[in-house]
Protein backbone atom coordinates (compact mmCIF):
# COMPACT_ATOMS: atom_id res chain seq x y z
CA UNK A 1 -9.83 -17.93 1.40
CA UNK A 2 -8.75 -16.10 -1.75
CA UNK A 3 -9.78 -12.77 -0.23
CA UNK A 4 -7.62 -13.41 2.85
CA UNK A 5 -4.63 -14.39 0.73
CA UNK A 6 -5.24 -11.35 -1.47
CA UNK A 7 -5.12 -9.07 1.57
CA UNK A 8 -1.94 -10.79 2.69
CA UNK A 9 -0.45 -10.17 -0.74
CA UNK A 10 -1.39 -6.49 -0.53
CA UNK A 11 0.32 -6.25 2.87
CA UNK A 12 3.35 -8.07 1.49
CA UNK A 13 3.52 -5.73 -1.52
CA UNK A 14 3.42 -2.76 0.86
CA UNK A 15 6.21 -4.26 2.95
CA UNK A 16 8.29 -4.87 -0.20
CA UNK A 17 7.73 -1.26 -1.26
CA UNK A 18 8.96 -0.06 2.12
CA UNK A 19 12.00 -2.31 1.80
CA UNK A 20 12.72 -0.78 -1.60
CA UNK A 21 12.52 2.71 -0.08
CA UNK A 22 14.90 1.62 2.69
CA UNK A 23 17.38 0.36 0.07
CA UNK A 24 17.24 3.69 -1.74
CA UNK A 25 17.75 5.56 1.56
CA UNK A 26 20.72 3.32 2.41
CA UNK A 27 22.29 3.91 -1.01
CA UNK A 28 21.78 7.68 -0.78
CA UNK A 29 23.25 7.74 2.72
CA UNK A 30 26.22 5.72 1.53
CA UNK A 31 26.87 8.19 -1.32
CA UNK A 32 26.61 11.14 1.09
CA UNK A 33 28.88 9.41 3.60
CA UNK A 34 31.42 8.54 0.92
CA UNK A 35 31.66 11.89 -0.87
CA UNK A 36 30.91 14.37 1.89
CA UNK A 37 32.24 12.68 5.03
CA UNK A 38 34.84 10.45 3.33
CA UNK A 39 33.52 7.49 5.34
CA UNK A 40 31.68 4.98 3.17
CA UNK A 41 29.71 2.10 4.60
CA UNK A 42 31.56 -0.85 3.12
CA UNK A 43 28.64 -3.23 3.62
CA UNK A 44 25.89 -0.97 2.22
CA UNK A 45 26.14 -1.95 -1.45
CA UNK A 46 26.25 -5.63 -0.59
CA UNK A 47 23.19 -5.37 1.67
CA UNK A 48 21.31 -3.40 -1.00
CA UNK A 49 22.06 -6.07 -3.62
CA UNK A 50 20.91 -8.91 -1.36
CA UNK A 51 17.82 -6.94 -0.37
CA UNK A 52 16.99 -6.42 -4.06
CA UNK A 53 17.24 -10.16 -4.63
CA UNK A 54 14.86 -10.81 -1.72
CA UNK A 55 12.42 -8.10 -2.87
CA UNK A 56 12.45 -9.47 -6.42
CA UNK A 57 11.80 -13.10 -5.50
CA UNK A 58 9.23 -12.38 -2.79
CA UNK A 59 7.61 -9.90 -5.17
CA UNK A 60 7.31 -12.71 -7.71
CA UNK A 61 4.91 -14.44 -5.30
CA UNK A 62 2.67 -11.36 -5.23
CA UNK A 63 2.84 -11.00 -9.00
CA UNK A 64 2.00 -14.67 -9.46
CA UNK A 65 -0.97 -14.52 -7.11
CA UNK A 66 -2.34 -11.39 -8.78
CA UNK A 67 -1.78 -12.81 -12.28
CA UNK A 68 0.16 -9.72 -13.29
CA UNK A 69 3.16 -11.63 -14.61
CA UNK A 70 4.13 -11.29 -18.24
CA UNK A 71 2.30 -14.04 -20.08
CA UNK A 72 1.86 -15.03 -23.65
CA UNK A 73 -1.81 -15.94 -23.66
CA UNK A 74 -2.86 -14.33 -26.94
CA UNK A 75 -3.16 -17.71 -28.64
CA UNK A 76 -5.06 -19.24 -25.72
CA UNK A 77 -7.48 -16.29 -25.71
CA UNK A 78 -8.13 -16.84 -29.43
CA UNK A 79 -9.02 -20.51 -28.91
CA UNK A 80 -12.65 -21.58 -28.61
CA UNK A 81 -13.90 -21.52 -25.03
CA UNK A 82 -13.98 -25.32 -24.94
CA UNK A 83 -10.23 -25.47 -25.49
CA UNK A 84 -9.29 -22.76 -22.99
CA UNK A 85 -10.00 -24.89 -19.92
CA UNK A 86 -7.81 -27.90 -20.91
CA UNK A 87 -5.01 -25.61 -22.12
CA UNK A 88 -5.29 -23.63 -18.86
CA UNK A 89 -5.05 -26.87 -16.88
CA UNK A 90 -2.00 -27.95 -18.86
CA UNK A 91 -0.38 -24.55 -18.37
CA UNK A 92 -0.92 -24.66 -14.59
CA UNK A 93 0.31 -28.25 -14.34
CA UNK A 94 3.50 -27.42 -16.26
CA UNK A 95 4.05 -24.28 -14.18
CA UNK A 96 3.60 -26.22 -10.92
CA UNK A 97 5.91 -29.00 -12.09
CA UNK A 98 8.70 -26.69 -13.25
CA UNK A 99 8.53 -24.43 -10.19
CA UNK A 100 8.43 -27.46 -7.90
CA UNK A 101 11.41 -29.09 -9.63
CA UNK A 102 13.51 -25.91 -9.57
CA UNK A 103 12.53 -25.35 -5.91
CA UNK A 104 13.82 -28.86 -5.14
CA UNK A 105 17.12 -28.07 -6.86
CA UNK A 106 17.29 -24.71 -5.11
CA UNK A 107 16.70 -26.33 -1.72
CA UNK A 108 19.68 -28.63 -2.26
CA UNK A 109 21.85 -25.58 -2.94
CA UNK A 110 20.51 -23.72 0.11
CA UNK A 111 21.25 -26.75 2.30
CA UNK A 112 24.80 -26.89 0.96
CA UNK A 113 25.39 -23.17 1.55
CA UNK A 114 23.99 -23.53 5.07
CA UNK A 115 26.14 -26.60 5.79
CA UNK A 116 29.31 -24.80 4.64
CA UNK A 117 28.40 -21.71 6.68
CA UNK A 118 28.98 -19.35 3.76
CA UNK A 119 28.67 -15.64 4.51
CA UNK A 120 28.80 -12.49 2.42
CA UNK A 121 32.14 -10.73 2.06
CA UNK A 122 31.52 -7.31 3.59
CA UNK A 123 28.50 -7.67 5.89
CA UNK A 124 29.20 -11.29 6.88
CA UNK A 125 25.53 -12.17 6.45
CA UNK A 126 24.62 -15.86 6.11
CA UNK A 127 24.05 -16.47 2.39
CA UNK A 128 21.55 -19.27 2.93
CA UNK A 129 18.98 -16.68 4.04
CA UNK A 130 19.02 -14.90 0.69
CA UNK A 131 19.16 -18.08 -1.34
CA UNK A 132 16.25 -19.55 0.62
CA UNK A 133 13.98 -16.73 -0.57
CA UNK A 134 14.37 -18.14 -4.08
CA UNK A 135 13.31 -21.58 -2.85
CA UNK A 136 10.38 -20.09 -0.91
CA UNK A 137 9.24 -18.09 -3.93
CA UNK A 138 9.36 -21.11 -6.23
CA UNK A 139 7.42 -23.23 -3.73
CA UNK A 140 4.77 -20.54 -3.40
CA UNK A 141 4.47 -20.15 -7.18
CA UNK A 142 4.11 -23.93 -7.53
CA UNK A 143 1.37 -23.92 -4.88
CA UNK A 144 -0.41 -21.03 -6.62
CA UNK A 145 -0.30 -22.96 -9.90
CA UNK A 146 -1.69 -26.05 -8.12
CA UNK A 147 -4.46 -23.90 -6.61
CA UNK A 148 -5.37 -22.69 -10.09
CA UNK A 149 -5.17 -26.21 -11.49
CA UNK A 150 -7.65 -27.36 -8.84
CA UNK A 151 -9.92 -24.46 -9.83
CA UNK A 152 -9.82 -25.68 -13.43
CA UNK A 153 -10.53 -29.25 -12.39
CA UNK A 154 -13.54 -28.32 -10.23
CA UNK A 155 -15.03 -26.32 -13.09
CA UNK A 156 -14.51 -22.80 -11.83
CA UNK A 157 -15.69 -20.23 -14.37
CA UNK A 158 -13.17 -19.84 -17.20
CA UNK A 159 -12.96 -16.09 -16.60
CA UNK A 160 -11.63 -16.80 -13.09
CA UNK A 161 -8.96 -19.13 -14.46
CA UNK A 162 -7.69 -16.97 -17.30
CA UNK A 163 -8.28 -13.52 -15.83
CA UNK A 164 -5.61 -11.02 -16.75
CA UNK A 165 -6.49 -7.92 -14.80
CA UNK A 166 -6.61 -7.83 -11.03
CA UNK A 167 -6.36 -4.69 -8.93
CA UNK A 168 -2.93 -3.99 -7.54
């Protein structure tokens, strides 16, 4: 199961990289159009900003799954092995709870934006789409933390729970 999800994360990271390249191409084209052809794309900057938000939040799912997020685990690593498992369980439980709670709050905001029919200024894109990626990301990070918490509770090897380096 983890191998399948890992492959999905690799595909997602590739897709996000391509999206980033598309944003750069759009921005370059907009600069060329503005200064050479005197015909800027008024919606380009707005679309690039929203795309960056989506790439960032969806990328956070990949980072969370791969355990490549910035973490302060120096103290946990210095603890005796017997303490690492309970502290790891507590860490995953807190992470799941906070991400789940903020996802709940985010969902309420997304529903409100959807209900009001809010759109972006220049491109007239529905804003709920971009805001929902934040909710999706938080839900996925909460589920990843719950997955890891279950691994701790079923006595998975400690190295699997606290691993820092995974191939990108």
